[in-house]
Amino acid sequence: MAVLRRPGRARLGWKNARSLGYALSAMALSSATALGGATQESAAREFQIKAVFLFNFAQFVEWPPESLPGPNEPFVIGILGADPFGPYLDETVRGEKVNDRSISIVRFARAEDIKTCHILYISRSEAGRLEQILSMLKGRSILTVSDVEQSGHAGGMIRFVTENNKVRLRIDNEAAKSVGLKISSKLLRPSQVVSLRRGAP
C-alpha cells in the first residue's frame, strides 16, 4: 500500500506505511487540517492537501481491467483547465506506482483532448462548463474530481468541500459504480456519500 504523504521536497514527515488503516488515518487527519485564513500560504497548503488526496484515490478505487489496456501503460492522473497544484502533484507521485504501474500527470486544455485518463481533476477554471464536461465523459471509467460548487447536479464523482477551513470529501458513489469504479468502503466511511445523479438532491 502506498503511503499518504504531502508533496515535494518539504514533505511533512509521513513515512512509508504498508497499512491501509494507517493511510486512512493519515487521510482523515489531513482532511481535518485547518487551512487558515485566505492567504497565499493557506491556498498553497490547500492544494498540497488536495494533491495528496488525488494520489491516494488511486489506492482506494478499483478500475475495470479494460480501462488499463497494457501492463506497461501508465496510470494517468489528469488536470483539466488551469493547474492550481504547481509542482505539488508531480512531486507527490514521483517514483510511486499503482498496481506496479508508473503514474503520469497529464494536463488537458480541453475535455475533447482526453484520451487515456483514470483520475481527472476538473479545475475551478472550468466551472462554467462543468455540466458539459461531465456529459462528455459520461460512460467512461474516469474518476472525476473537482472542488467546483454546483447546484442541481454532481460536481464530479468526488468533490472537495471546504467547511470551517477544513478539506472534506463528498462522494457520489452511484455515479462511480455506474462506470465500473469500485470505491473502497474505507474511503467512503470518513466521507459524505451523496447521490446527485439525474439532479437528485
C-alpha atoms as a PDB file:
ATOM      1  CA  MET A   1       0.000   0.000   0.000  1.00  0.00           C
ATOM      2  CA  ALA A   2       1.373   3.358  -0.946  1.00  0.00           C
ATOM      3  CA  VAL A   3       1.809   5.994   1.673  1.00  0.00           C
ATOM      4  CA  LEU A   4      -0.305   9.020   2.244  1.00  0.00           C
ATOM      5  CA  ARG A   5       2.040  11.938   2.269  1.00  0.00           C
ATOM      6  CA  ARG A   6       2.319  15.538   1.373  1.00  0.00           C
ATOM      7  CA  PRO A   7       4.127  16.563  -1.788  1.00  0.00           C
ATOM      8  CA  GLY A   8       7.504  17.998  -2.589  1.00  0.00           C
ATOM      9  CA  ARG A   9      10.942  18.057  -1.057  1.00  0.00           C
ATOM     10  CA  ALA A  10       9.463  19.711   2.014  1.00  0.00           C
ATOM     11  CA  ARG A  11       7.206  16.746   2.790  1.00  0.00           C
ATOM     12  CA  LEU A  12       5.869  16.927   6.290  1.00  0.00           C
ATOM     13  CA  GLY A  13       7.184  13.720   7.762  1.00  0.00           C
ATOM     14  CA  TRP A  14       4.687  10.986   6.820  1.00  0.00           C
ATOM     15  CA  LYS A  15       6.834   7.886   6.309  1.00  0.00           C
ATOM     16  CA  ASN A  16       6.299   4.718   4.302  1.00  0.00           C
ATOM     17  CA  ALA A  17       3.491   2.549   5.674  1.00  0.00           C
ATOM     18  CA  ARG A  18       2.022  -0.646   4.265  1.00  0.00           C
ATOM     19  CA  SER A  19      -1.134  -0.495   6.360  1.00  0.00           C
ATOM     20  CA  LEU A  20      -4.356   0.635   4.712  1.00  0.00           C
ATOM     21  CA  GLY A  21      -5.663   1.608   8.124  1.00  0.00           C
ATOM     22  CA  TYR A  22      -2.644   3.828   8.724  1.00  0.00           C
ATOM     23  CA  ALA A  23      -3.068   5.503   5.369  1.00  0.00           C
ATOM     24  CA  LEU A  24      -6.738   6.185   6.017  1.00  0.00           C
ATOM     25  CA  SER A  25      -5.978   7.541   9.463  1.00  0.00           C
ATOM     26  CA  ALA A  26      -3.470   9.894   7.895  1.00  0.00           C
ATOM     27  CA  MET A  27      -6.007  10.847   5.246  1.00  0.00           C
ATOM     28  CA  ALA A  28      -8.596  11.635   7.899  1.00  0.00           C
ATOM     29  CA  LEU A  29      -6.018  13.716   9.750  1.00  0.00           C
ATOM     30  CA  SER A  30      -5.161  15.539   6.557  1.00  0.00           C
ATOM     31  CA  SER A  31      -8.812  16.254   5.761  1.00  0.00           C
ATOM     32  CA  ALA A  32      -9.339  17.691   9.209  1.00  0.00           C
ATOM     33  CA  THR A  33      -6.355  20.023   8.960  1.00  0.00           C
ATOM     34  CA  ALA A  34      -7.311  23.671   9.213  1.00  0.00           C
ATOM     35  CA  LEU A  35      -6.290  25.735   6.236  1.00  0.00           C
ATOM     36  CA  GLY A  36      -6.135  29.064   7.996  1.00  0.00           C
ATOM     37  CA  GLY A  37      -7.152  32.391   6.503  1.00  0.00           C
ATOM     38  CA  ALA A  38      -7.441  33.269   2.830  1.00  0.00           C
ATOM     39  CA  THR A  39      -3.719  33.871   2.304  1.00  0.00           C
ATOM     40  CA  GLN A  40      -1.329  32.750  -0.394  1.00  0.00           C
ATOM     41  CA  GLU A  41       0.244  30.344   2.096  1.00  0.00           C
ATOM     42  CA  SER A  42      -3.098  28.767   3.037  1.00  0.00           C
ATOM     43  CA  ALA A  43      -4.042  28.436  -0.646  1.00  0.00           C
ATOM     44  CA  ALA A  44      -0.773  26.581  -1.280  1.00  0.00           C
ATOM     45  CA  ARG A  45      -1.465  24.351   1.724  1.00  0.00           C
ATOM     46  CA  GLU A  46      -4.968  23.642   0.412  1.00  0.00           C
ATOM     47  CA  PHE A  47      -3.608  22.300  -2.864  1.00  0.00           C
ATOM     48  CA  GLN A  48      -0.846  20.359  -1.134  1.00  0.00           C
ATOM     49  CA  ILE A  49      -3.580  18.517   0.760  1.00  0.00           C
ATOM     50  CA  LYS A  50      -5.660  18.027  -2.402  1.00  0.00           C
ATOM     51  CA  ALA A  51      -2.621  16.710  -4.295  1.00  0.00           C
ATOM     52  CA  VAL A  52      -2.181  14.099  -1.554  1.00  0.00           C
ATOM     53  CA  PHE A  53      -5.825  13.116  -1.841  1.00  0.00           C
ATOM     54  CA  LEU A  54      -5.605  12.710  -5.642  1.00  0.00           C
ATOM     55  CA  PHE A  55      -2.652  10.376  -5.261  1.00  0.00           C
ATOM     56  CA  ASN A  56      -4.382   8.339  -2.567  1.00  0.00           C
ATOM     57  CA  PHE A  57      -7.636   7.997  -4.501  1.00  0.00           C
ATOM     58  CA  ALA A  58      -5.654   5.681  -6.781  1.00  0.00           C
ATOM     59  CA  GLN A  59      -5.108   3.369  -3.804  1.00  0.00           C
ATOM     60  CA  PHE A  60      -8.744   3.198  -2.714  1.00  0.00           C
ATOM     61  CA  VAL A  61     -10.548   2.901  -6.051  1.00  0.00           C
ATOM     62  CA  GLU A  62     -10.636  -0.150  -8.333  1.00  0.00           C
ATOM     63  CA  TRP A  63     -10.841   0.392 -12.105  1.00  0.00           C
ATOM     64  CA  PRO A  64     -12.259  -2.185 -14.542  1.00  0.00           C
ATOM     65  CA  PRO A  65      -9.472  -4.193 -16.266  1.00  0.00           C
ATOM     66  CA  GLU A  66     -10.344  -2.848 -19.718  1.00  0.00           C
ATOM     67  CA  SER A  67      -9.506   0.690 -18.612  1.00  0.00           C
ATOM     68  CA  LEU A  68      -5.880  -0.408 -18.078  1.00  0.00           C
ATOM     69  CA  PRO A  69      -5.168  -1.899 -21.516  1.00  0.00           C
ATOM     70  CA  GLY A  70      -1.489  -2.861 -21.267  1.00  0.00           C
ATOM     71  CA  PRO A  71       0.850  -3.854 -18.411  1.00  0.00           C
ATOM     72  CA  ASN A  72       3.344  -1.166 -19.408  1.00  0.00           C
ATOM     73  CA  GLU A  73       0.779   1.617 -19.727  1.00  0.00           C
ATOM     74  CA  PRO A  74       0.956   4.307 -17.031  1.00  0.00           C
ATOM     75  CA  PHE A  75      -1.799   5.179 -14.606  1.00  0.00           C
ATOM     76  CA  VAL A  76      -2.882   8.683 -15.646  1.00  0.00           C
ATOM     77  CA  ILE A  77      -3.952  11.480 -13.312  1.00  0.00           C
ATOM     78  CA  GLY A  78      -5.218  14.363 -15.427  1.00  0.00           C
ATOM     79  CA  ILE A  79      -5.800  18.037 -14.729  1.00  0.00           C
ATOM     80  CA  LEU A  80      -8.372  19.753 -16.909  1.00  0.00           C
ATOM     81  CA  GLY A  81      -8.049  23.526 -17.154  1.00  0.00           C
ATOM     82  CA  ALA A  82      -5.825  25.827 -15.112  1.00  0.00           C
ATOM     83  CA  ASP A  83      -3.409  23.861 -12.915  1.00  0.00           C
ATOM     84  CA  PRO A  84      -3.662  25.018  -9.274  1.00  0.00           C
ATOM     85  CA  PHE A  85      -1.150  22.479  -7.938  1.00  0.00           C
ATOM     86  CA  GLY A  86       2.118  23.865  -9.239  1.00  0.00           C
ATOM     87  CA  PRO A  87       4.816  21.250  -8.592  1.00  0.00           C
ATOM     88  CA  TYR A  88       2.987  19.576  -5.691  1.00  0.00           C
ATOM     89  CA  LEU A  89       1.143  16.861  -7.595  1.00  0.00           C
ATOM     90  CA  ASP A  90       4.134  15.894  -9.764  1.00  0.00           C
ATOM     91  CA  GLU A  91       6.350  15.657  -6.690  1.00  0.00           C
ATOM     92  CA  THR A  92       3.757  13.644  -4.786  1.00  0.00           C
ATOM     93  CA  VAL A  93       3.638  10.857  -7.390  1.00  0.00           C
ATOM     94  CA  ARG A  94       7.299  10.859  -8.342  1.00  0.00           C
ATOM     95  CA  GLY A  95       8.652   7.317  -8.017  1.00  0.00           C
ATOM     96  CA  GLU A  96       5.262   5.941  -6.922  1.00  0.00           C
ATOM     97  CA  LYS A  97       3.259   3.179  -8.601  1.00  0.00           C
ATOM     98  CA  VAL A  98      -0.336   1.985  -8.765  1.00  0.00           C
ATOM     99  CA  ASN A  99      -0.518  -1.816  -9.041  1.00  0.00           C
ATOM    100  CA  ASP A 100       3.042  -1.852 -10.444  1.00  0.00           C
ATOM    101  CA  ARG A 101       2.221   0.866 -12.987  1.00  0.00           C
ATOM    102  CA  SER A 102       4.052   4.162 -13.105  1.00  0.00           C
ATOM    103  CA  ILE A 103       1.966   7.294 -12.612  1.00  0.00           C
ATOM    104  CA  SER A 104       1.792  10.017 -15.237  1.00  0.00           C
ATOM    105  CA  ILE A 105       0.421  13.533 -14.650  1.00  0.00           C
ATOM    106  CA  VAL A 106      -1.181  14.933 -17.801  1.00  0.00           C
ATOM    107  CA  ARG A 107      -2.571  18.448 -18.257  1.00  0.00           C
ATOM    108  CA  PHE A 108      -5.521  18.867 -20.624  1.00  0.00           C
ATOM    109  CA  ALA A 109      -6.661  22.168 -22.079  1.00  0.00           C
ATOM    110  CA  ARG A 110      -9.986  20.749 -23.316  1.00  0.00           C
ATOM    111  CA  ALA A 111     -12.157  17.780 -22.431  1.00  0.00           C
ATOM    112  CA  GLU A 112     -12.024  16.805 -26.094  1.00  0.00           C
ATOM    113  CA  ASP A 113      -8.281  16.165 -25.706  1.00  0.00           C
ATOM    114  CA  ILE A 114      -8.748  13.480 -23.054  1.00  0.00           C
ATOM    115  CA  LYS A 115      -7.810  10.062 -24.359  1.00  0.00           C
ATOM    116  CA  THR A 116      -6.407   7.882 -21.576  1.00  0.00           C
ATOM    117  CA  CYS A 117      -7.174   9.106 -18.064  1.00  0.00           C
ATOM    118  CA  HIS A 118      -8.054   7.374 -14.795  1.00  0.00           C
ATOM    119  CA  ILE A 119      -8.419  10.240 -12.319  1.00  0.00           C
ATOM    120  CA  LEU A 120      -9.403  13.642 -13.656  1.00  0.00           C
ATOM    121  CA  TYR A 121      -9.258  16.793 -11.551  1.00  0.00           C
ATOM    122  CA  ILE A 122     -11.548  19.421 -13.098  1.00  0.00           C
ATOM    123  CA  SER A 123     -10.190  22.841 -12.242  1.00  0.00           C
ATOM    124  CA  ARG A 124     -12.248  25.753 -10.988  1.00  0.00           C
ATOM    125  CA  SER A 125     -11.414  27.475 -14.277  1.00  0.00           C
ATOM    126  CA  GLU A 126     -13.867  25.039 -15.902  1.00  0.00           C
ATOM    127  CA  ALA A 127     -16.773  25.833 -13.546  1.00  0.00           C
ATOM    128  CA  GLY A 128     -18.894  27.349 -16.309  1.00  0.00           C
ATOM    129  CA  ARG A 129     -18.530  24.206 -18.452  1.00  0.00           C
ATOM    130  CA  LEU A 130     -18.680  21.561 -15.720  1.00  0.00           C
ATOM    131  CA  GLU A 131     -22.026  20.090 -16.728  1.00  0.00           C
ATOM    132  CA  GLN A 132     -20.925  19.899 -20.368  1.00  0.00           C
ATOM    133  CA  ILE A 133     -17.612  18.271 -19.400  1.00  0.00           C
ATOM    134  CA  LEU A 134     -19.276  15.633 -17.230  1.00  0.00           C
ATOM    135  CA  SER A 135     -21.714  14.912 -20.041  1.00  0.00           C
ATOM    136  CA  MET A 136     -18.821  14.411 -22.493  1.00  0.00           C
ATOM    137  CA  LEU A 137     -17.139  11.977 -20.094  1.00  0.00           C
ATOM    138  CA  LYS A 138     -20.328  10.040 -19.370  1.00  0.00           C
ATOM    139  CA  GLY A 139     -19.833   6.279 -19.594  1.00  0.00           C
ATOM    140  CA  ARG A 140     -16.042   6.419 -19.313  1.00  0.00           C
ATOM    141  CA  SER A 141     -14.250   4.829 -16.362  1.00  0.00           C
ATOM    142  CA  ILE A 142     -12.696   8.103 -15.202  1.00  0.00           C
ATOM    143  CA  LEU A 143     -12.878   9.132 -11.552  1.00  0.00           C
ATOM    144  CA  THR A 144     -13.896  12.788 -11.846  1.00  0.00           C
ATOM    145  CA  VAL A 145     -12.833  15.077  -9.015  1.00  0.00           C
ATOM    146  CA  SER A 146     -13.477  18.769  -8.512  1.00  0.00           C
ATOM    147  CA  ASP A 147     -13.953  21.476  -5.942  1.00  0.00           C
ATOM    148  CA  VAL A 148     -16.453  23.367  -8.076  1.00  0.00           C
ATOM    149  CA  GLU A 149     -19.667  24.275  -6.284  1.00  0.00           C
ATOM    150  CA  GLN A 150     -22.669  23.343  -8.390  1.00  0.00           C
ATOM    151  CA  SER A 151     -26.361  23.030  -7.679  1.00  0.00           C
ATOM    152  CA  GLY A 152     -28.695  20.576  -9.349  1.00  0.00           C
ATOM    153  CA  HIS A 153     -26.040  18.063 -10.390  1.00  0.00           C
ATOM    154  CA  ALA A 154     -22.873  16.494  -9.058  1.00  0.00           C
ATOM    155  CA  GLY A 155     -19.589  18.326  -9.272  1.00  0.00           C
ATOM    156  CA  GLY A 156     -17.889  15.097 -10.296  1.00  0.00           C
ATOM    157  CA  MET A 157     -17.771  11.748  -8.501  1.00  0.00           C
ATOM    158  CA  ILE A 158     -15.664  13.196  -5.706  1.00  0.00           C
ATOM    159  CA  ARG A 159     -15.910  16.810  -4.655  1.00  0.00           C
ATOM    160  CA  PHE A 160     -13.589  18.605  -2.296  1.00  0.00           C
ATOM    161  CA  VAL A 161     -15.614  20.663   0.138  1.00  0.00           C
ATOM    162  CA  THR A 162     -14.059  23.252   2.428  1.00  0.00           C
ATOM    163  CA  GLU A 163     -16.033  23.591   5.648  1.00  0.00           C
ATOM    164  CA  ASN A 164     -14.788  25.633   8.603  1.00  0.00           C
ATOM    165  CA  ASN A 165     -11.425  25.933   6.861  1.00  0.00           C
ATOM    166  CA  LYS A 166     -11.092  22.133   6.577  1.00  0.00           C
ATOM    167  CA  VAL A 167     -10.961  19.999   3.437  1.00  0.00           C
ATOM    168  CA  ARG A 168     -13.548  17.218   3.365  1.00  0.00           C
ATOM    169  CA  LEU A 169     -14.830  14.798   0.710  1.00  0.00           C
ATOM    170  CA  ARG A 170     -18.283  14.451  -0.806  1.00  0.00           C
ATOM    171  CA  ILE A 171     -18.602  11.265  -2.889  1.00  0.00           C
ATOM    172  CA  ASP A 172     -21.258  10.295  -5.426  1.00  0.00           C
ATOM    173  CA  ASN A 173     -20.729   6.541  -5.195  1.00  0.00           C
ATOM    174  CA  GLU A 174     -23.618   5.712  -7.527  1.00  0.00           C
ATOM    175  CA  ALA A 175     -22.032   7.754 -10.308  1.00  0.00           C
ATOM    176  CA  ALA A 176     -18.752   5.911  -9.781  1.00  0.00           C
ATOM    177  CA  LYS A 177     -20.406   2.491  -9.796  1.00  0.00           C
ATOM    178  CA  SER A 178     -22.280   3.340 -12.994  1.00  0.00           C
ATOM    179  CA  VAL A 179     -18.974   3.342 -14.920  1.00  0.00           C
ATOM    180  CA  GLY A 180     -17.472   0.299 -13.200  1.00  0.00           C
ATOM    181  CA  LEU A 181     -15.439   2.048 -10.500  1.00  0.00           C
ATOM    182  CA  LYS A 182     -15.392   0.462  -7.044  1.00  0.00           C
ATOM    183  CA  ILE A 183     -14.610   2.866  -4.215  1.00  0.00           C
ATOM    184  CA  SER A 184     -13.321   1.210  -1.057  1.00  0.00           C
ATOM    185  CA  SER A 185     -15.575   1.374   1.962  1.00  0.00           C
ATOM    186  CA  LYS A 186     -12.532   2.619   3.838  1.00  0.00           C
ATOM    187  CA  LEU A 187     -12.659   5.775   1.730  1.00  0.00           C
ATOM    188  CA  LEU A 188     -16.445   6.059   1.798  1.00  0.00           C
ATOM    189  CA  ARG A 189     -16.678   5.733   5.573  1.00  0.00           C
ATOM    190  CA  PRO A 190     -14.994   9.038   6.538  1.00  0.00           C
ATOM    191  CA  SER A 191     -16.650  10.893   3.620  1.00  0.00           C
ATOM    192  CA  GLN A 192     -20.101  12.306   2.976  1.00  0.00           C
ATOM    193  CA  VAL A 193     -21.760   9.950   0.492  1.00  0.00           C
ATOM    194  CA  VAL A 194     -24.393  11.576  -1.715  1.00  0.00           C
ATOM    195  CA  SER A 195     -26.389  10.692  -4.804  1.00  0.00           C
ATOM    196  CA  LEU A 196     -26.758  13.596  -7.180  1.00  0.00           C
ATOM    197  CA  ARG A 197     -27.424  11.690 -10.382  1.00  0.00           C
ATOM    198  CA  ARG A 198     -30.267  12.990 -12.525  1.00  0.00           C
ATOM    199  CA  GLY A 199     -30.360  16.112 -10.385  1.00  0.00           C
ATOM    200  CA  ALA A 200     -31.416  14.405  -7.148  1.00  0.00           C
ATOM    201  CA  PRO A 201     -30.671  16.495  -4.036  1.00  0.00           C
END
